Amino acid sequence: MSLLRQPEMAETSQQPKRSGVQANRLKLIRRMLTSNHDPLLSCKVCGAPRTSMNMLIKHSWSHVDDTEKLCGICGQNSDSADELRNHLQSHQKTRSCHICRKSFLTSQGLRGHIARHTGDKPHVCNVCHKAFPEKSALSIHMWTHSADKPHKCDVCQKSFLKKINLEHHRATHSAEKLYNCSLLTGNFVGDYF
């Protein structure tokens, strides 16, 4: 019996629709079965295959709050979620800030953090010339100059940078109120009354 068996289908040549997760998992299994490389790494908790140690470490963090408290990398048992978190950090190559000793998983994260200590702001907005220590902060800022933000009201087409702002705005179009107060009579759209 094949691990890659297709579901029974009518006499059409159409492939069944798969979710992105299912399709990626199927590709990973096919690659694993046809590869001449070293066998893939798999999670000691759930058996999920991963193509690199970094991906296995990243996946293992998803099991921190499981009742078993097992390390997905080496299978070591921990007494608590905090103990497992500390153990998982021992598997990661981290970079530490020489000023405050805070640890980062990526060089990019560390560079942005150090820029905050030094006041260095190398990423400059080409519209208003405001400067930022991290490229990601500049990317978020750029939305302030865009009329077409990512979260758009389906009633009036007004757009918002943050989803929560859109949700508050949508309540203005209906009788539905977002917040109920058990102490005062009435419902409220925002954080105030």
N, C-alpha and C. Protein backbone atom coordinates (compact mmCIF):
# COMPACT_ATOMS: atom_id res chain seq x y z
N MET A 1 0.84 -1.18 0.00
CA MET A 1 0.00 0.00 0.00
C MET A 1 0.88 1.25 0.00
N SER A 2 0.61 2.17 -0.86
CA SER A 2 1.43 3.37 -1.01
C SER A 2 1.04 4.45 0.00
N LEU A 3 2.04 5.15 0.52
CA LEU A 3 1.77 6.28 1.40
C LEU A 3 1.14 7.44 0.64
N LEU A 4 1.32 7.45 -0.67
CA LEU A 4 0.86 8.56 -1.48
C LEU A 4 -0.41 8.24 -2.24
N ARG A 5 -1.17 7.26 -1.79
CA ARG A 5 -2.37 6.84 -2.48
C ARG A 5 -3.34 8.00 -2.64
N GLN A 6 -3.86 8.17 -3.83
CA GLN A 6 -4.83 9.21 -4.10
C GLN A 6 -6.21 8.76 -3.66
N PRO A 7 -7.08 9.67 -3.24
CA PRO A 7 -8.44 9.28 -2.89
C PRO A 7 -9.17 8.75 -4.10
N GLU A 8 -10.12 7.85 -3.86
CA GLU A 8 -10.92 7.31 -4.95
C GLU A 8 -11.63 8.45 -5.64
N MET A 9 -11.64 8.44 -6.97
CA MET A 9 -12.26 9.53 -7.71
C MET A 9 -13.15 8.96 -8.80
N ALA A 10 -14.11 9.76 -9.22
CA ALA A 10 -14.96 9.38 -10.35
C ALA A 10 -14.09 9.32 -11.59
N GLU A 11 -14.69 8.97 -12.69
CA GLU A 11 -13.90 8.77 -13.91
C GLU A 11 -13.50 10.08 -14.55
N THR A 12 -12.99 10.99 -13.77
CA THR A 12 -12.47 12.25 -14.31
C THR A 12 -10.99 12.29 -14.02
N SER A 13 -10.28 13.09 -14.75
CA SER A 13 -8.84 13.18 -14.53
C SER A 13 -8.51 14.33 -13.59
N GLN A 14 -9.53 14.95 -13.03
CA GLN A 14 -9.31 16.08 -12.13
C GLN A 14 -8.73 15.61 -10.81
N GLN A 15 -7.73 16.32 -10.30
CA GLN A 15 -7.15 16.03 -9.00
C GLN A 15 -8.02 16.67 -7.92
N PRO A 16 -8.11 16.05 -6.76
CA PRO A 16 -8.89 16.66 -5.68
C PRO A 16 -8.21 17.93 -5.17
N LYS A 17 -9.01 18.87 -4.70
CA LYS A 17 -8.47 20.10 -4.13
C LYS A 17 -7.88 19.78 -2.76
N ARG A 18 -6.70 20.32 -2.47
CA ARG A 18 -6.05 20.10 -1.18
C ARG A 18 -5.77 21.46 -0.56
N SER A 19 -5.76 21.49 0.75
CA SER A 19 -5.38 22.73 1.42
C SER A 19 -3.88 22.93 1.21
N GLY A 20 -3.40 24.14 1.47
CA GLY A 20 -1.98 24.42 1.32
C GLY A 20 -1.13 23.54 2.22
N VAL A 21 -1.61 23.31 3.46
CA VAL A 21 -0.87 22.47 4.40
C VAL A 21 -0.79 21.05 3.89
N GLN A 22 -1.92 20.52 3.40
CA GLN A 22 -1.93 19.15 2.87
C GLN A 22 -1.01 19.03 1.66
N ALA A 23 -1.07 19.99 0.76
CA ALA A 23 -0.25 19.95 -0.43
C ALA A 23 1.24 20.00 -0.07
N ASN A 24 1.61 20.87 0.87
CA ASN A 24 3.01 20.98 1.27
C ASN A 24 3.48 19.70 1.97
N ARG A 25 2.63 19.12 2.81
CA ARG A 25 2.99 17.88 3.50
C ARG A 25 3.19 16.76 2.47
N LEU A 26 2.33 16.69 1.46
CA LEU A 26 2.45 15.67 0.43
C LEU A 26 3.74 15.86 -0.37
N LYS A 27 4.08 17.10 -0.69
CA LYS A 27 5.34 17.37 -1.40
C LYS A 27 6.54 16.94 -0.56
N LEU A 28 6.49 17.22 0.74
CA LEU A 28 7.57 16.86 1.64
C LEU A 28 7.73 15.34 1.70
N ILE A 29 6.63 14.62 1.80
CA ILE A 29 6.69 13.15 1.85
C ILE A 29 7.23 12.60 0.54
N ARG A 30 6.77 13.14 -0.59
CA ARG A 30 7.29 12.68 -1.90
C ARG A 30 8.79 12.93 -1.99
N ARG A 31 9.24 14.13 -1.57
CA ARG A 31 10.66 14.45 -1.61
C ARG A 31 11.45 13.49 -0.71
N MET A 32 10.87 13.18 0.46
CA MET A 32 11.54 12.29 1.40
C MET A 32 11.70 10.90 0.79
N LEU A 33 10.68 10.41 0.09
CA LEU A 33 10.72 9.06 -0.47
C LEU A 33 11.61 8.96 -1.70
N THR A 34 11.76 10.04 -2.44
CA THR A 34 12.53 10.00 -3.68
C THR A 34 13.92 10.59 -3.55
N SER A 35 14.26 11.13 -2.39
CA SER A 35 15.53 11.82 -2.21
C SER A 35 16.67 10.84 -1.95
N ASN A 36 17.84 11.20 -2.44
CA ASN A 36 19.05 10.44 -2.16
C ASN A 36 19.83 11.05 -1.00
N HIS A 37 19.29 12.13 -0.41
CA HIS A 37 19.96 12.81 0.69
C HIS A 37 19.75 12.05 1.99
N ASP A 38 20.37 12.57 3.05
CA ASP A 38 20.18 11.98 4.37
C ASP A 38 18.70 11.99 4.72
N PRO A 39 18.27 11.04 5.53
CA PRO A 39 16.86 11.03 5.90
C PRO A 39 16.47 12.33 6.60
N LEU A 40 15.23 12.70 6.43
CA LEU A 40 14.75 13.93 7.05
C LEU A 40 14.68 13.78 8.56
N LEU A 41 14.77 14.90 9.22
CA LEU A 41 14.63 14.93 10.67
C LEU A 41 13.14 14.87 11.00
N SER A 42 12.80 14.25 12.11
CA SER A 42 11.39 14.22 12.48
C SER A 42 11.24 14.57 13.95
N CYS A 43 10.09 15.16 14.26
CA CYS A 43 9.78 15.59 15.61
C CYS A 43 9.59 14.38 16.51
N LYS A 44 10.23 14.41 17.67
CA LYS A 44 10.14 13.30 18.64
C LYS A 44 8.78 13.27 19.34
N VAL A 45 8.00 14.35 19.22
CA VAL A 45 6.69 14.40 19.86
C VAL A 45 5.61 13.88 18.91
N CYS A 46 5.56 14.42 17.68
CA CYS A 46 4.46 14.07 16.78
C CYS A 46 4.90 13.36 15.50
N GLY A 47 6.22 13.27 15.27
CA GLY A 47 6.72 12.58 14.09
C GLY A 47 6.74 13.41 12.82
N ALA A 48 6.37 14.68 12.89
CA ALA A 48 6.34 15.53 11.70
C ALA A 48 7.74 15.65 11.11
N PRO A 49 7.89 15.37 9.80
CA PRO A 49 9.22 15.47 9.18
C PRO A 49 9.59 16.92 8.89
N ARG A 50 10.87 17.24 8.99
CA ARG A 50 11.39 18.57 8.67
C ARG A 50 12.66 18.40 7.87
N THR A 51 12.95 19.37 7.02
CA THR A 51 14.09 19.26 6.11
C THR A 51 15.39 19.79 6.70
N SER A 52 15.32 20.51 7.81
CA SER A 52 16.55 21.04 8.42
C SER A 52 16.39 21.10 9.93
N MET A 53 17.51 21.19 10.60
CA MET A 53 17.49 21.30 12.06
C MET A 53 16.79 22.59 12.49
N ASN A 54 17.03 23.68 11.76
CA ASN A 54 16.37 24.94 12.10
C ASN A 54 14.86 24.81 12.01
N MET A 55 14.36 24.13 10.98
CA MET A 55 12.92 23.94 10.84
C MET A 55 12.38 23.03 11.94
N LEU A 56 13.14 22.03 12.35
CA LEU A 56 12.72 21.14 13.44
C LEU A 56 12.67 21.91 14.76
N ILE A 57 13.66 22.76 14.99
CA ILE A 57 13.68 23.57 16.21
C ILE A 57 12.46 24.49 16.22
N LYS A 58 12.21 25.16 15.10
CA LYS A 58 11.06 26.07 15.01
C LYS A 58 9.76 25.31 15.27
N HIS A 59 9.61 24.14 14.68
CA HIS A 59 8.41 23.32 14.88
C HIS A 59 8.28 22.88 16.34
N SER A 60 9.38 22.53 16.97
CA SER A 60 9.34 22.00 18.34
C SER A 60 8.75 23.00 19.33
N TRP A 61 8.87 24.28 19.04
CA TRP A 61 8.28 25.28 19.92
C TRP A 61 6.76 25.15 19.98
N SER A 62 6.15 24.56 18.96
CA SER A 62 4.69 24.41 18.96
C SER A 62 4.21 23.41 20.01
N HIS A 63 5.12 22.62 20.58
CA HIS A 63 4.74 21.61 21.57
C HIS A 63 5.01 22.06 23.02
N VAL A 64 5.44 23.29 23.22
CA VAL A 64 5.81 23.75 24.57
C VAL A 64 4.66 23.59 25.56
N ASP A 65 3.45 23.87 25.14
CA ASP A 65 2.31 23.81 26.06
C ASP A 65 1.59 22.46 26.06
N ASP A 66 2.11 21.47 25.33
CA ASP A 66 1.53 20.12 25.35
C ASP A 66 1.70 19.51 26.74
N THR A 67 0.81 18.61 27.10
CA THR A 67 0.87 18.01 28.44
C THR A 67 2.09 17.11 28.61
N GLU A 68 2.63 16.53 27.52
CA GLU A 68 3.77 15.61 27.64
C GLU A 68 5.07 16.31 28.04
N LYS A 69 5.23 17.58 27.66
CA LYS A 69 6.44 18.37 27.95
C LYS A 69 7.70 17.68 27.43
N LEU A 70 7.61 17.18 26.17
CA LEU A 70 8.75 16.52 25.53
C LEU A 70 9.41 17.45 24.54
N CYS A 71 10.72 17.37 24.44
CA CYS A 71 11.48 18.12 23.44
C CYS A 71 11.32 17.41 22.10
N GLY A 72 10.88 18.12 21.09
CA GLY A 72 10.70 17.55 19.77
C GLY A 72 12.00 17.24 19.06
N ILE A 73 13.11 17.74 19.57
CA ILE A 73 14.41 17.56 18.93
C ILE A 73 15.12 16.32 19.48
N CYS A 74 15.17 16.21 20.81
CA CYS A 74 15.92 15.10 21.41
C CYS A 74 15.05 14.16 22.25
N GLY A 75 13.80 14.53 22.50
CA GLY A 75 12.91 13.68 23.26
C GLY A 75 13.02 13.81 24.77
N GLN A 76 13.85 14.74 25.25
CA GLN A 76 14.00 14.91 26.69
C GLN A 76 12.70 15.38 27.32
N ASN A 77 12.36 14.82 28.48
CA ASN A 77 11.15 15.17 29.21
C ASN A 77 11.45 16.32 30.18
N SER A 78 10.53 17.29 30.26
CA SER A 78 10.69 18.42 31.18
C SER A 78 9.54 18.42 32.17
N ASP A 79 9.76 19.03 33.32
CA ASP A 79 8.73 19.08 34.36
C ASP A 79 7.70 20.19 34.12
N SER A 80 8.07 21.22 33.38
CA SER A 80 7.15 22.34 33.17
C SER A 80 7.38 22.95 31.79
N ALA A 81 6.45 23.78 31.36
CA ALA A 81 6.58 24.47 30.08
C ALA A 81 7.79 25.41 30.11
N ASP A 82 8.01 26.09 31.23
CA ASP A 82 9.17 26.99 31.34
C ASP A 82 10.48 26.22 31.22
N GLU A 83 10.54 25.06 31.86
CA GLU A 83 11.75 24.23 31.77
C GLU A 83 11.97 23.77 30.33
N LEU A 84 10.88 23.41 29.64
CA LEU A 84 11.00 22.99 28.23
C LEU A 84 11.45 24.16 27.36
N ARG A 85 10.94 25.36 27.61
CA ARG A 85 11.38 26.54 26.85
C ARG A 85 12.89 26.75 27.02
N ASN A 86 13.35 26.68 28.26
CA ASN A 86 14.79 26.84 28.52
C ASN A 86 15.59 25.76 27.80
N HIS A 87 15.09 24.52 27.82
CA HIS A 87 15.78 23.43 27.16
C HIS A 87 15.84 23.65 25.65
N LEU A 88 14.71 24.07 25.05
CA LEU A 88 14.68 24.30 23.60
C LEU A 88 15.67 25.38 23.20
N GLN A 89 15.86 26.38 24.05
CA GLN A 89 16.83 27.43 23.74
C GLN A 89 18.24 26.87 23.65
N SER A 90 18.50 25.78 24.37
CA SER A 90 19.85 25.20 24.31
C SER A 90 20.13 24.58 22.94
N HIS A 91 19.09 24.25 22.19
CA HIS A 91 19.27 23.70 20.84
C HIS A 91 19.49 24.79 19.79
N GLN A 92 19.16 26.03 20.14
CA GLN A 92 19.22 27.10 19.17
C GLN A 92 20.53 27.85 19.22
N LYS A 93 20.98 28.25 18.05
CA LYS A 93 22.15 29.12 17.97
C LYS A 93 21.62 30.54 18.13
N THR A 94 21.96 31.15 19.23
CA THR A 94 21.47 32.50 19.47
C THR A 94 22.62 33.50 19.42
N ARG A 95 22.26 34.73 19.17
CA ARG A 95 23.22 35.81 19.16
C ARG A 95 22.82 36.76 20.29
N SER A 96 23.79 37.19 21.08
CA SER A 96 23.47 38.04 22.24
C SER A 96 23.95 39.46 22.03
N CYS A 97 23.15 40.39 22.52
CA CYS A 97 23.50 41.80 22.50
C CYS A 97 24.65 42.03 23.49
N HIS A 98 25.72 42.67 23.03
CA HIS A 98 26.87 42.92 23.90
C HIS A 98 26.59 44.02 24.93
N ILE A 99 25.46 44.72 24.78
CA ILE A 99 25.14 45.80 25.71
C ILE A 99 24.25 45.30 26.85
N CYS A 100 23.17 44.56 26.51
CA CYS A 100 22.22 44.14 27.56
C CYS A 100 22.09 42.62 27.69
N ARG A 101 22.79 41.87 26.86
CA ARG A 101 22.80 40.40 26.90
C ARG A 101 21.51 39.75 26.40
N LYS A 102 20.55 40.50 25.85
CA LYS A 102 19.34 39.91 25.30
C LYS A 102 19.72 39.05 24.11
N SER A 103 19.03 37.88 23.96
CA SER A 103 19.36 36.92 22.90
C SER A 103 18.40 37.04 21.72
N PHE A 104 18.94 36.78 20.54
CA PHE A 104 18.16 36.83 19.30
C PHE A 104 18.47 35.61 18.45
N LEU A 105 17.46 35.14 17.71
CA LEU A 105 17.64 33.97 16.86
C LEU A 105 18.28 34.33 15.52
N THR A 106 18.11 35.57 15.08
CA THR A 106 18.65 35.97 13.79
C THR A 106 19.61 37.15 13.93
N SER A 107 20.54 37.22 13.00
CA SER A 107 21.47 38.36 12.97
C SER A 107 20.71 39.65 12.70
N GLN A 108 19.69 39.56 11.87
CA GLN A 108 18.88 40.74 11.53
C GLN A 108 18.19 41.29 12.78
N GLY A 109 17.63 40.40 13.60
CA GLY A 109 16.99 40.83 14.83
C GLY A 109 17.97 41.50 15.78
N LEU A 110 19.16 40.92 15.88
CA LEU A 110 20.19 41.50 16.74
C LEU A 110 20.63 42.88 16.22
N ARG A 111 20.84 43.02 14.90
CA ARG A 111 21.26 44.31 14.33
C ARG A 111 20.23 45.40 14.63
N GLY A 112 18.93 45.07 14.46
CA GLY A 112 17.87 46.04 14.73
C GLY A 112 17.85 46.43 16.20
N HIS A 113 18.06 45.46 17.08
CA HIS A 113 18.07 45.71 18.51
C HIS A 113 19.24 46.62 18.90
N ILE A 114 20.42 46.34 18.39
CA ILE A 114 21.59 47.16 18.70
C ILE A 114 21.40 48.59 18.19
N ALA A 115 20.74 48.72 17.04
CA ALA A 115 20.47 50.06 16.51
C ALA A 115 19.60 50.87 17.47
N ARG A 116 18.73 50.20 18.21
CA ARG A 116 17.91 50.90 19.20
C ARG A 116 18.78 51.41 20.36
N HIS A 117 19.80 50.63 20.75
CA HIS A 117 20.72 51.07 21.81
C HIS A 117 21.55 52.28 21.35
N THR A 118 22.04 52.20 20.13
CA THR A 118 22.97 53.23 19.65
C THR A 118 22.26 54.46 19.09
N GLY A 119 20.96 54.33 18.81
CA GLY A 119 20.24 55.45 18.22
C GLY A 119 20.41 55.50 16.71
N ASP A 120 21.08 54.54 16.15
CA ASP A 120 21.30 54.48 14.70
C ASP A 120 19.96 54.19 14.01
N LYS A 121 19.61 55.01 13.02
CA LYS A 121 18.36 54.83 12.28
C LYS A 121 18.66 54.88 10.78
N PRO A 122 19.17 53.77 10.25
CA PRO A 122 19.61 53.78 8.86
C PRO A 122 18.49 53.67 7.82
N HIS A 123 17.28 53.33 8.23
CA HIS A 123 16.18 53.12 7.28
C HIS A 123 15.29 54.35 7.26
N VAL A 124 15.33 55.09 6.13
CA VAL A 124 14.69 56.40 6.02
C VAL A 124 13.53 56.34 5.03
N CYS A 125 12.40 56.91 5.45
CA CYS A 125 11.22 56.99 4.58
C CYS A 125 11.51 57.97 3.44
N ASN A 126 11.25 57.53 2.21
CA ASN A 126 11.52 58.40 1.05
C ASN A 126 10.41 59.43 0.82
N VAL A 127 9.34 59.39 1.63
CA VAL A 127 8.25 60.35 1.50
C VAL A 127 8.40 61.48 2.51
N CYS A 128 8.51 61.14 3.80
CA CYS A 128 8.55 62.16 4.85
C CYS A 128 9.91 62.26 5.54
N HIS A 129 10.84 61.39 5.18
CA HIS A 129 12.21 61.37 5.69
C HIS A 129 12.34 61.00 7.17
N LYS A 130 11.29 60.38 7.74
CA LYS A 130 11.39 59.87 9.10
C LYS A 130 12.30 58.65 9.08
N ALA A 131 13.15 58.50 10.09
CA ALA A 131 14.13 57.41 10.11
C ALA A 131 13.76 56.36 11.16
N PHE A 132 14.16 55.11 10.89
CA PHE A 132 13.82 53.98 11.76
C PHE A 132 15.03 53.08 11.97
N PRO A 133 15.14 52.46 13.14
CA PRO A 133 16.28 51.57 13.40
C PRO A 133 16.18 50.23 12.67
N GLU A 134 14.95 49.81 12.33
CA GLU A 134 14.75 48.51 11.69
C GLU A 134 13.97 48.66 10.39
N LYS A 135 14.31 47.85 9.43
CA LYS A 135 13.63 47.88 8.13
C LYS A 135 12.14 47.55 8.29
N SER A 136 11.82 46.62 9.20
CA SER A 136 10.42 46.24 9.39
C SER A 136 9.59 47.41 9.91
N ALA A 137 10.18 48.25 10.76
CA ALA A 137 9.47 49.44 11.27
C ALA A 137 9.20 50.43 10.13
N LEU A 138 10.15 50.57 9.22
CA LEU A 138 9.94 51.44 8.05
C LEU A 138 8.83 50.88 7.18
N SER A 139 8.80 49.58 6.98
CA SER A 139 7.75 48.96 6.15
C SER A 139 6.37 49.23 6.73
N ILE A 140 6.24 49.11 8.04
CA ILE A 140 4.95 49.40 8.69
C ILE A 140 4.60 50.87 8.54
N HIS A 141 5.59 51.73 8.73
CA HIS A 141 5.37 53.18 8.60
C HIS A 141 4.88 53.55 7.20
N MET A 142 5.38 52.91 6.17
CA MET A 142 5.03 53.26 4.79
C MET A 142 3.52 53.19 4.54
N TRP A 143 2.82 52.37 5.31
CA TRP A 143 1.36 52.28 5.15
C TRP A 143 0.69 53.62 5.48
N THR A 144 1.32 54.46 6.30
CA THR A 144 0.70 55.74 6.65
C THR A 144 0.61 56.65 5.43
N HIS A 145 1.43 56.40 4.43
CA HIS A 145 1.42 57.23 3.22
C HIS A 145 0.52 56.63 2.13
N SER A 146 -0.05 55.48 2.38
CA SER A 146 -0.87 54.81 1.38
C SER A 146 -2.35 55.00 1.69
N ALA A 147 -3.12 55.36 0.66
CA ALA A 147 -4.57 55.49 0.85
C ALA A 147 -5.22 54.11 0.89
N ASP A 148 -4.59 53.14 0.28
CA ASP A 148 -5.16 51.79 0.19
C ASP A 148 -4.48 50.87 1.19
N LYS A 149 -4.97 50.87 2.42
CA LYS A 149 -4.39 50.05 3.49
C LYS A 149 -4.91 48.62 3.40
N PRO A 150 -4.29 47.67 4.10
CA PRO A 150 -4.62 46.25 3.90
C PRO A 150 -6.00 45.79 4.38
N HIS A 151 -6.64 46.50 5.31
CA HIS A 151 -7.93 46.06 5.85
C HIS A 151 -9.01 47.05 5.43
N LYS A 152 -9.89 46.62 4.50
CA LYS A 152 -10.86 47.53 3.90
C LYS A 152 -12.29 47.19 4.34
N CYS A 153 -13.05 48.22 4.68
CA CYS A 153 -14.45 48.06 5.07
C CYS A 153 -15.26 47.66 3.84
N ASP A 154 -16.05 46.60 3.98
CA ASP A 154 -16.84 46.13 2.84
C ASP A 154 -18.10 46.98 2.63
N VAL A 155 -18.41 47.91 3.54
CA VAL A 155 -19.57 48.77 3.41
C VAL A 155 -19.21 50.08 2.73
N CYS A 156 -18.21 50.79 3.26
CA CYS A 156 -17.88 52.12 2.74
C CYS A 156 -16.52 52.21 2.05
N GLN A 157 -15.78 51.12 2.02
CA GLN A 157 -14.47 51.03 1.36
C GLN A 157 -13.35 51.79 2.06
N LYS A 158 -13.60 52.34 3.26
CA LYS A 158 -12.53 52.99 4.02
C LYS A 158 -11.54 51.91 4.42
N SER A 159 -10.24 52.22 4.39
CA SER A 159 -9.25 51.19 4.71
C SER A 159 -8.46 51.57 5.96
N PHE A 160 -7.94 50.51 6.61
CA PHE A 160 -7.25 50.66 7.89
C PHE A 160 -5.98 49.83 7.90
N LEU A 161 -5.00 50.33 8.63
CA LEU A 161 -3.74 49.61 8.76
C LEU A 161 -3.92 48.39 9.66
N LYS A 162 -4.66 48.55 10.76
CA LYS A 162 -4.83 47.46 11.71
C LYS A 162 -6.23 46.87 11.63
N LYS A 163 -6.30 45.55 11.74
CA LYS A 163 -7.58 44.84 11.67
C LYS A 163 -8.52 45.26 12.79
N ILE A 164 -7.98 45.50 13.98
CA ILE A 164 -8.82 45.89 15.12
C ILE A 164 -9.50 47.23 14.86
N ASN A 165 -8.83 48.15 14.16
CA ASN A 165 -9.43 49.43 13.82
C ASN A 165 -10.58 49.25 12.84
N LEU A 166 -10.43 48.32 11.90
CA LEU A 166 -11.50 48.00 10.97
C LEU A 166 -12.70 47.43 11.72
N GLU A 167 -12.46 46.54 12.68
CA GLU A 167 -13.55 45.94 13.45
C GLU A 167 -14.32 47.00 14.23
N HIS A 168 -13.62 47.95 14.84
CA HIS A 168 -14.30 49.05 15.53
C HIS A 168 -15.10 49.89 14.53
N HIS A 169 -14.53 50.15 13.38
CA HIS A 169 -15.21 50.95 12.36
C HIS A 169 -16.47 50.25 11.85
N ARG A 170 -16.40 48.96 11.60
CA ARG A 170 -17.56 48.21 11.10
C ARG A 170 -18.76 48.34 12.03
N ALA A 171 -18.51 48.42 13.32
CA ALA A 171 -19.60 48.54 14.29
C ALA A 171 -20.38 49.83 14.10
N THR A 172 -19.76 50.84 13.50
CA THR A 172 -20.48 52.10 13.27
C THR A 172 -21.53 51.95 12.17
N HIS A 173 -21.43 50.90 11.37
CA HIS A 173 -22.38 50.66 10.29
C HIS A 173 -23.57 49.82 10.73
N SER A 174 -23.57 49.30 11.95
CA SER A 174 -24.64 48.41 12.37
C SER A 174 -25.10 48.74 13.78
N ALA A 175 -26.19 48.09 14.17
CA ALA A 175 -26.69 48.27 15.52
C ALA A 175 -25.89 47.43 16.51
N GLU A 176 -25.07 46.51 15.99
CA GLU A 176 -24.26 45.65 16.85
C GLU A 176 -23.17 46.47 17.53
N LYS A 177 -23.03 46.30 18.82
CA LYS A 177 -22.00 47.02 19.55
C LYS A 177 -20.94 46.02 20.01
N LEU A 178 -19.72 46.47 20.05
CA LEU A 178 -18.61 45.57 20.36
C LEU A 178 -18.49 45.24 21.83
N TYR A 179 -18.85 46.16 22.72
CA TYR A 179 -18.61 45.96 24.14
C TYR A 179 -19.90 46.13 24.94
N ASN A 180 -20.13 45.26 25.88
CA ASN A 180 -21.24 45.37 26.82
C ASN A 180 -20.66 45.67 28.19
N CYS A 181 -21.36 46.48 28.97
CA CYS A 181 -20.91 46.80 30.32
C CYS A 181 -21.94 46.27 31.30
N SER A 182 -21.51 45.46 32.24
CA SER A 182 -22.43 44.90 33.23
C SER A 182 -22.75 45.90 34.34
N LEU A 183 -21.93 46.92 34.51
CA LEU A 183 -22.15 47.90 35.57
C LEU A 183 -23.03 49.07 35.11
N LEU A 184 -22.83 49.48 33.88
CA LEU A 184 -23.60 50.59 33.33
C LEU A 184 -24.58 50.04 32.31
N THR A 185 -25.65 50.73 32.08
CA THR A 185 -26.58 50.28 31.05
C THR A 185 -26.10 50.81 29.72
N GLY A 186 -26.13 49.96 28.74
CA GLY A 186 -25.74 50.40 27.40
C GLY A 186 -24.62 49.56 26.82
N ASN A 187 -24.48 49.70 25.53
CA ASN A 187 -23.42 49.04 24.78
C ASN A 187 -22.54 50.11 24.18
N PHE A 188 -21.29 49.77 23.92
CA PHE A 188 -20.35 50.77 23.45
C PHE A 188 -19.56 50.25 22.26
N VAL A 189 -19.28 51.16 21.32
CA VAL A 189 -18.51 50.81 20.14
C VAL A 189 -17.03 50.80 20.45
N GLY A 190 -16.56 51.71 21.25
CA GLY A 190 -15.12 51.82 21.50
C GLY A 190 -14.75 51.51 22.92
N ASP A 191 -13.56 51.96 23.29
CA ASP A 191 -13.04 51.72 24.62
C ASP A 191 -13.58 52.74 25.63
N TYR A 192 -14.44 53.61 25.20
CA TYR A 192 -14.94 54.66 26.08
C TYR A 192 -16.44 54.78 25.88
N PHE A 193 -17.12 55.52 26.72
CA PHE A 193 -18.57 55.70 26.61
C PHE A 193 -18.94 57.16 26.73
